[in-house]
N, C-alpha and C. Protein backbone atom coordinates (compact mmCIF):
# COMPACT_ATOMS: atom_id res chain seq x y z
N UNK A 1 0.98 -1.28 0.07
CA UNK A 1 0.12 -0.11 0.05
C UNK A 1 0.78 1.17 0.02
N UNK A 2 0.53 2.15 -0.92
CA UNK A 2 1.49 3.30 -0.87
C UNK A 2 0.70 4.57 -0.64
N UNK A 3 1.28 5.58 0.16
CA UNK A 3 0.74 6.76 0.52
C UNK A 3 1.76 7.89 0.14
N UNK A 4 1.22 9.13 0.06
CA UNK A 4 2.08 10.15 -0.38
C UNK A 4 3.36 10.22 0.61
N UNK A 5 3.34 9.86 1.79
CA UNK A 5 4.34 9.88 2.57
C UNK A 5 5.48 8.89 2.59
N UNK A 6 5.07 7.78 1.88
CA UNK A 6 5.86 6.61 1.54
C UNK A 6 7.00 6.92 0.58
N UNK A 7 8.22 6.64 0.98
CA UNK A 7 9.33 6.73 0.05
C UNK A 7 9.36 5.81 -1.15
N UNK A 8 9.68 6.10 -2.30
CA UNK A 8 9.77 5.03 -3.42
C UNK A 8 11.10 4.22 -3.33
N UNK A 9 12.10 4.69 -2.29
CA UNK A 9 13.19 3.82 -2.23
C UNK A 9 13.20 2.78 -1.12
N UNK A 10 13.63 1.75 -1.50
CA UNK A 10 13.71 0.55 -0.51
C UNK A 10 15.02 0.06 -0.34
N UNK A 11 15.34 -0.18 0.77
CA UNK A 11 16.82 -0.83 0.98
C UNK A 11 16.57 -2.15 1.14
N UNK A 12 17.27 -3.08 0.37
CA UNK A 12 17.18 -4.52 0.26
C UNK A 12 18.40 -4.96 0.87
N UNK A 13 18.27 -5.70 1.85
CA UNK A 13 19.58 -6.27 2.42
C UNK A 13 19.70 -7.81 2.10
N UNK A 14 20.88 -8.13 1.68
CA UNK A 14 20.95 -9.55 1.40
C UNK A 14 22.36 -10.02 1.86
N UNK A 15 22.27 -11.05 2.57
CA UNK A 15 23.66 -11.66 3.21
C UNK A 15 23.61 -13.10 2.78
N UNK A 16 24.83 -13.33 2.15
CA UNK A 16 24.94 -14.60 1.62
C UNK A 16 26.42 -15.15 2.33
N UNK A 17 26.31 -16.42 2.65
CA UNK A 17 27.52 -17.21 2.93
C UNK A 17 27.84 -18.28 1.88
N UNK A 18 28.86 -18.14 1.20
CA UNK A 18 29.22 -19.03 0.21
C UNK A 18 30.52 -19.87 0.48
N UNK A 19 30.43 -21.13 -0.01
CA UNK A 19 31.52 -21.99 0.31
C UNK A 19 32.18 -22.11 -1.15
N UNK A 20 33.63 -21.67 -1.17
CA UNK A 20 34.32 -21.70 -2.29
C UNK A 20 35.00 -23.06 -2.36
N UNK A 21 34.52 -23.86 -3.10
CA UNK A 21 35.06 -25.24 -3.36
C UNK A 21 36.08 -25.25 -4.40
N UNK A 22 36.15 -24.31 -5.38
CA UNK A 22 37.24 -24.52 -6.17
C UNK A 22 37.89 -23.03 -6.40
N UNK A 23 38.68 -22.61 -5.52
CA UNK A 23 39.23 -21.25 -5.65
C UNK A 23 39.87 -20.81 -7.08
N UNK A 24 40.58 -21.77 -7.62
CA UNK A 24 41.09 -21.62 -8.91
C UNK A 24 39.99 -21.29 -9.99
N UNK A 25 38.92 -21.75 -10.01
CA UNK A 25 37.74 -21.37 -10.77
C UNK A 25 37.21 -20.27 -10.62
N UNK A 26 37.17 -19.83 -9.24
CA UNK A 26 36.71 -18.51 -8.99
C UNK A 26 37.64 -17.38 -9.55
N UNK A 27 39.00 -17.59 -9.07
CA UNK A 27 39.97 -16.68 -9.67
C UNK A 27 39.94 -16.61 -11.08
N UNK A 28 39.92 -17.72 -11.75
CA UNK A 28 39.99 -17.53 -13.23
C UNK A 28 38.83 -16.84 -13.90
N UNK A 29 37.57 -17.07 -13.31
CA UNK A 29 36.37 -16.40 -13.91
C UNK A 29 36.63 -14.86 -13.56
N UNK A 30 37.10 -14.46 -12.42
CA UNK A 30 37.34 -13.25 -12.04
C UNK A 30 38.43 -12.40 -13.12
N UNK A 31 39.40 -13.17 -13.17
CA UNK A 31 40.49 -12.70 -14.25
C UNK A 31 39.81 -12.50 -15.73
N UNK A 32 39.05 -13.52 -15.94
CA UNK A 32 38.43 -13.22 -17.39
C UNK A 32 37.44 -12.15 -17.42
N UNK A 33 36.67 -11.90 -16.35
CA UNK A 33 35.69 -10.74 -16.32
C UNK A 33 36.58 -9.38 -16.32
N UNK A 34 37.63 -9.43 -15.72
CA UNK A 34 38.64 -8.14 -15.77
C UNK A 34 39.20 -8.08 -17.23
N UNK A 35 39.57 -9.03 -17.79
CA UNK A 35 40.23 -8.99 -19.06
C UNK A 35 39.20 -8.42 -20.03
N UNK A 36 38.04 -8.88 -19.89
CA UNK A 36 36.82 -8.40 -20.93
C UNK A 36 36.36 -7.19 -20.71
N UNK A 37 36.69 -6.34 -19.53
CA UNK A 37 36.15 -4.96 -19.29
C UNK A 37 37.12 -3.94 -20.00
N UNK A 38 36.60 -3.53 -21.24
CA UNK A 38 37.17 -2.57 -21.89
C UNK A 38 37.37 -1.30 -21.37
N UNK A 39 36.60 -0.94 -20.41
CA UNK A 39 36.47 0.35 -19.85
C UNK A 39 37.57 0.48 -18.62
N UNK A 40 38.21 -0.48 -18.27
CA UNK A 40 38.94 -0.50 -17.05
C UNK A 40 40.42 0.15 -17.40
N UNK A 41 40.75 0.98 -16.84
CA UNK A 41 42.12 1.52 -17.09
C UNK A 41 43.30 0.57 -16.77
N UNK A 42 44.35 0.63 -17.40
CA UNK A 42 45.52 -0.34 -17.27
C UNK A 42 45.88 -0.41 -15.91
N UNK A 43 46.10 0.65 -15.20
CA UNK A 43 46.66 0.68 -13.76
C UNK A 43 45.68 -0.01 -12.88
N UNK A 44 44.31 0.24 -13.14
CA UNK A 44 43.12 -0.37 -12.55
C UNK A 44 43.19 -2.03 -12.67
N UNK A 45 43.43 -2.30 -13.77
CA UNK A 45 43.37 -3.61 -14.40
C UNK A 45 44.54 -4.34 -13.64
N UNK A 46 45.57 -3.97 -13.44
CA UNK A 46 46.90 -4.51 -12.96
C UNK A 46 46.52 -4.66 -11.48
N UNK A 47 46.03 -3.67 -10.86
CA UNK A 47 45.67 -3.70 -9.26
C UNK A 47 44.71 -4.95 -9.10
N UNK A 48 43.51 -4.82 -10.00
CA UNK A 48 42.57 -5.89 -9.81
C UNK A 48 43.00 -7.35 -10.15
N UNK A 49 43.78 -7.51 -11.12
CA UNK A 49 44.39 -8.66 -11.33
C UNK A 49 45.06 -9.40 -10.23
N UNK A 50 45.97 -8.39 -9.70
CA UNK A 50 46.89 -8.82 -8.36
C UNK A 50 45.97 -9.07 -7.23
N UNK A 51 44.89 -8.50 -7.00
CA UNK A 51 43.92 -8.66 -5.92
C UNK A 51 43.11 -9.86 -5.87
N UNK A 52 42.66 -10.22 -7.16
CA UNK A 52 41.86 -11.48 -7.30
C UNK A 52 42.84 -12.64 -7.18
N UNK A 53 44.15 -12.56 -7.67
CA UNK A 53 44.98 -13.80 -7.42
C UNK A 53 45.49 -14.03 -5.96
N UNK A 54 45.55 -12.92 -5.22
CA UNK A 54 45.87 -13.08 -3.91
C UNK A 54 44.69 -13.42 -3.12
N UNK A 55 43.52 -13.33 -3.34
CA UNK A 55 42.44 -13.47 -2.50
C UNK A 55 41.13 -13.87 -3.18
N UNK A 56 40.68 -15.10 -2.91
CA UNK A 56 39.39 -15.56 -3.58
C UNK A 56 38.28 -14.82 -3.21
N UNK A 57 38.23 -14.33 -1.97
CA UNK A 57 37.23 -13.46 -1.62
C UNK A 57 36.98 -12.26 -2.45
N UNK A 58 38.32 -11.67 -2.61
CA UNK A 58 38.13 -10.45 -3.67
C UNK A 58 37.91 -10.89 -4.98
N UNK A 59 38.24 -12.04 -5.57
CA UNK A 59 37.73 -12.51 -6.61
C UNK A 59 36.38 -12.68 -6.86
N UNK A 60 35.66 -13.26 -5.77
CA UNK A 60 34.31 -13.27 -5.71
C UNK A 60 33.53 -11.94 -5.83
N UNK A 61 34.05 -10.99 -5.19
CA UNK A 61 33.54 -9.56 -5.35
C UNK A 61 33.55 -9.04 -6.64
N UNK A 62 34.52 -9.49 -7.50
CA UNK A 62 34.53 -8.99 -9.05
C UNK A 62 33.37 -9.79 -9.80
N UNK A 63 32.82 -10.87 -9.25
CA UNK A 63 31.89 -11.67 -10.12
C UNK A 63 30.62 -11.52 -9.59
N UNK A 64 30.30 -11.05 -8.39
CA UNK A 64 29.01 -10.69 -8.02
C UNK A 64 28.57 -9.25 -8.05
N UNK A 65 27.68 -9.02 -8.84
CA UNK A 65 27.19 -7.66 -9.24
C UNK A 65 25.68 -7.44 -8.85
N UNK A 66 25.45 -6.54 -7.80
CA UNK A 66 24.14 -6.30 -7.43
C UNK A 66 23.19 -5.84 -8.58
N UNK A 67 23.67 -5.13 -9.53
CA UNK A 67 22.83 -4.93 -10.66
C UNK A 67 22.16 -6.09 -11.37
N UNK A 68 23.07 -7.22 -11.62
CA UNK A 68 22.70 -8.33 -12.13
C UNK A 68 21.56 -9.11 -11.34
N UNK A 69 21.47 -8.75 -9.89
CA UNK A 69 20.39 -9.33 -9.09
C UNK A 69 19.14 -8.78 -9.42
N UNK A 70 19.07 -7.50 -9.75
CA UNK A 70 17.74 -6.82 -9.86
C UNK A 70 17.38 -6.26 -11.30
N UNK A 71 18.40 -6.40 -12.29
CA UNK A 71 18.40 -5.99 -13.68
C UNK A 71 16.90 -6.53 -14.27
N UNK A 72 16.61 -7.79 -13.96
CA UNK A 72 15.27 -8.33 -14.64
C UNK A 72 13.98 -8.24 -13.94
N UNK A 73 14.07 -7.43 -12.67
CA UNK A 73 12.90 -7.19 -11.93
C UNK A 73 12.03 -6.02 -12.47
N UNK A 74 10.86 -6.20 -12.86
CA UNK A 74 10.21 -5.19 -13.59
C UNK A 74 9.81 -4.10 -12.56
N UNK A 75 9.88 -2.84 -12.96
CA UNK A 75 9.42 -1.72 -12.16
C UNK A 75 10.39 -1.18 -11.31
N UNK A 76 11.74 -1.64 -11.25
CA UNK A 76 12.59 -1.09 -10.34
C UNK A 76 13.96 -0.68 -11.17
N UNK A 77 14.54 0.42 -10.54
CA UNK A 77 15.87 0.89 -11.11
C UNK A 77 16.90 0.89 -9.94
N UNK A 78 18.03 0.39 -9.94
CA UNK A 78 19.18 0.31 -9.05
C UNK A 78 19.70 1.68 -8.94
N UNK A 79 19.34 2.22 -7.61
CA UNK A 79 19.77 3.82 -7.56
C UNK A 79 21.21 3.81 -6.84
N UNK A 80 21.54 2.63 -5.99
CA UNK A 80 22.87 2.74 -5.38
C UNK A 80 23.07 1.38 -4.94
N UNK A 81 24.41 0.95 -4.96
CA UNK A 81 24.72 -0.48 -4.48
C UNK A 81 26.15 -0.39 -3.90
N UNK A 82 26.26 -1.23 -2.78
CA UNK A 82 27.69 -1.50 -2.21
C UNK A 82 27.71 -2.83 -1.77
N UNK A 83 29.06 -3.50 -1.86
CA UNK A 83 28.91 -4.83 -1.44
C UNK A 83 30.50 -4.99 -1.19
N UNK A 84 30.68 -6.18 -0.33
CA UNK A 84 32.01 -6.58 -0.08
C UNK A 84 32.09 -7.99 0.19
N UNK A 85 33.19 -8.62 0.26
CA UNK A 85 33.39 -9.96 0.61
C UNK A 85 34.41 -9.99 1.58
N UNK A 86 34.45 -11.15 2.44
CA UNK A 86 35.47 -11.31 3.47
C UNK A 86 35.44 -12.89 3.75
N UNK A 87 36.48 -13.43 4.16
CA UNK A 87 36.55 -14.88 4.55
C UNK A 87 36.16 -14.64 6.07
N UNK A 88 35.29 -15.66 6.39
CA UNK A 88 34.69 -15.99 7.81
C UNK A 88 34.84 -17.25 8.18
N UNK A 89 34.82 -17.69 9.44
CA UNK A 89 34.71 -18.82 10.23
C UNK A 89 33.20 -19.12 10.24
N UNK A 90 32.77 -20.26 9.59
CA UNK A 90 31.36 -20.52 9.47
C UNK A 90 31.06 -21.81 10.10
N UNK A 91 30.04 -21.77 10.93
CA UNK A 91 29.54 -22.86 11.65
C UNK A 91 28.10 -22.93 11.57
N UNK A 92 27.42 -23.77 10.55
CA UNK A 92 25.82 -23.60 10.50
C UNK A 92 25.19 -23.92 11.63
N UNK A 93 25.65 -24.62 12.62
CA UNK A 93 25.05 -25.03 13.77
C UNK A 93 25.13 -23.82 14.85
N UNK A 94 25.85 -22.96 14.71
CA UNK A 94 26.03 -22.06 15.67
C UNK A 94 24.99 -20.90 15.67
N UNK A 95 24.49 -20.48 16.74
CA UNK A 95 23.31 -19.56 16.63
C UNK A 95 23.87 -18.04 16.28
N UNK A 96 25.26 -17.87 16.22
CA UNK A 96 25.80 -16.59 15.71
C UNK A 96 25.48 -16.51 14.05
N UNK A 97 25.15 -17.50 13.58
CA UNK A 97 24.86 -17.71 12.12
C UNK A 97 23.48 -17.56 11.77
N UNK A 98 22.55 -17.11 12.69
CA UNK A 98 21.17 -16.80 12.53
C UNK A 98 20.93 -15.70 11.57
N UNK A 99 20.63 -15.90 10.22
CA UNK A 99 20.50 -14.93 9.41
C UNK A 99 19.43 -13.79 9.59
N UNK A 100 18.56 -14.17 10.46
CA UNK A 100 17.49 -13.13 10.85
C UNK A 100 17.76 -12.39 12.10
N UNK A 101 19.10 -12.68 12.58
CA UNK A 101 19.45 -11.86 13.86
C UNK A 101 19.56 -10.38 13.74
N UNK A 102 20.16 -9.82 12.55
CA UNK A 102 20.10 -8.47 12.28
C UNK A 102 18.69 -7.71 12.41
N UNK A 103 17.86 -8.49 11.82
CA UNK A 103 16.59 -7.96 11.69
C UNK A 103 15.86 -7.58 13.04
N UNK A 104 16.28 -8.02 14.32
CA UNK A 104 15.78 -8.07 15.52
C UNK A 104 15.93 -6.51 15.69
N UNK A 105 17.13 -6.00 15.48
CA UNK A 105 17.50 -4.47 15.77
C UNK A 105 16.61 -3.41 15.00
N UNK A 106 16.18 -3.93 13.68
CA UNK A 106 15.32 -3.14 12.89
C UNK A 106 13.93 -3.22 13.47
N UNK A 107 13.57 -4.20 14.22
CA UNK A 107 12.06 -4.24 14.81
C UNK A 107 12.03 -3.11 16.27
N UNK A 108 13.06 -2.65 16.41
CA UNK A 108 12.83 -1.67 17.63
C UNK A 108 12.71 -0.14 17.28
N UNK A 109 12.02 0.51 18.11
CA UNK A 109 11.75 1.90 17.80
C UNK A 109 12.96 2.79 18.35
N UNK A 110 12.84 4.07 18.43
CA UNK A 110 13.90 4.91 18.68
C UNK A 110 14.40 4.73 20.23
N UNK A 111 13.45 4.19 21.17
CA UNK A 111 13.87 3.95 22.58
C UNK A 111 14.29 2.68 22.75
N UNK A 112 14.47 1.93 21.76
CA UNK A 112 14.95 0.46 21.73
C UNK A 112 14.04 -0.56 22.15
N UNK A 113 12.54 -0.16 22.02
CA UNK A 113 11.51 -1.10 22.52
C UNK A 113 11.18 -1.83 21.10
N UNK A 114 10.66 -2.99 21.21
CA UNK A 114 10.14 -3.72 20.03
C UNK A 114 8.90 -3.34 19.59
N UNK A 115 8.72 -3.12 18.40
CA UNK A 115 7.18 -2.82 17.98
C UNK A 115 6.33 -3.92 18.17
N UNK A 116 5.09 -3.51 18.64
CA UNK A 116 4.07 -4.32 18.63
C UNK A 116 3.21 -4.56 17.36
N UNK A 117 2.52 -5.66 17.06
CA UNK A 117 1.79 -5.71 15.75
C UNK A 117 0.86 -4.66 15.61
N UNK A 118 1.13 -3.53 15.17
CA UNK A 118 0.08 -2.49 14.83
C UNK A 118 0.59 -1.94 13.38
N UNK A 119 -0.42 -1.24 12.89
CA UNK A 119 -0.21 -0.75 11.45
C UNK A 119 0.81 0.43 11.46
N UNK A 120 1.19 0.96 12.60
CA UNK A 120 1.95 2.30 12.51
C UNK A 120 3.49 1.87 12.69
N UNK A 121 3.84 0.49 13.00
CA UNK A 121 5.12 0.10 12.90
C UNK A 121 5.75 0.00 11.48
N UNK A 122 6.86 0.48 11.24
CA UNK A 122 7.42 0.19 9.94
C UNK A 122 7.68 -1.21 9.46
N UNK A 123 7.44 -1.43 8.21
CA UNK A 123 7.44 -2.78 7.71
C UNK A 123 9.00 -3.21 7.49
N UNK A 124 9.60 -4.12 8.19
CA UNK A 124 11.12 -4.31 8.01
C UNK A 124 11.24 -5.86 7.32
N UNK A 125 10.33 -6.54 6.89
CA UNK A 125 10.53 -7.66 6.23
C UNK A 125 9.94 -7.82 4.87
């Protein structure tokens, strides 16, 4: 439901944990993408090639593009995006990896109280 006070902009948060099973394949794909980028200046290309060869997480960041995630969604235009990748210790059994955990903070009002089920609370999901 849209009202005049509702913003047209929506922040979509996506968190992924990926297991790199073949770092050579990831690095090779990233190097190929860099080589095919005709708009990349030579000094930036050299830096990018070095970075992806040193770190598979960096290579993955060259392969994942937020525009690709939403380019086929009708009625939306990507206004801004940022993303990063990092190596993490992952334990799917640990409660620390509950992907909904961050959402709990969004369910609180300015005083830190959780929203009750009412229509004045902002939609966070």
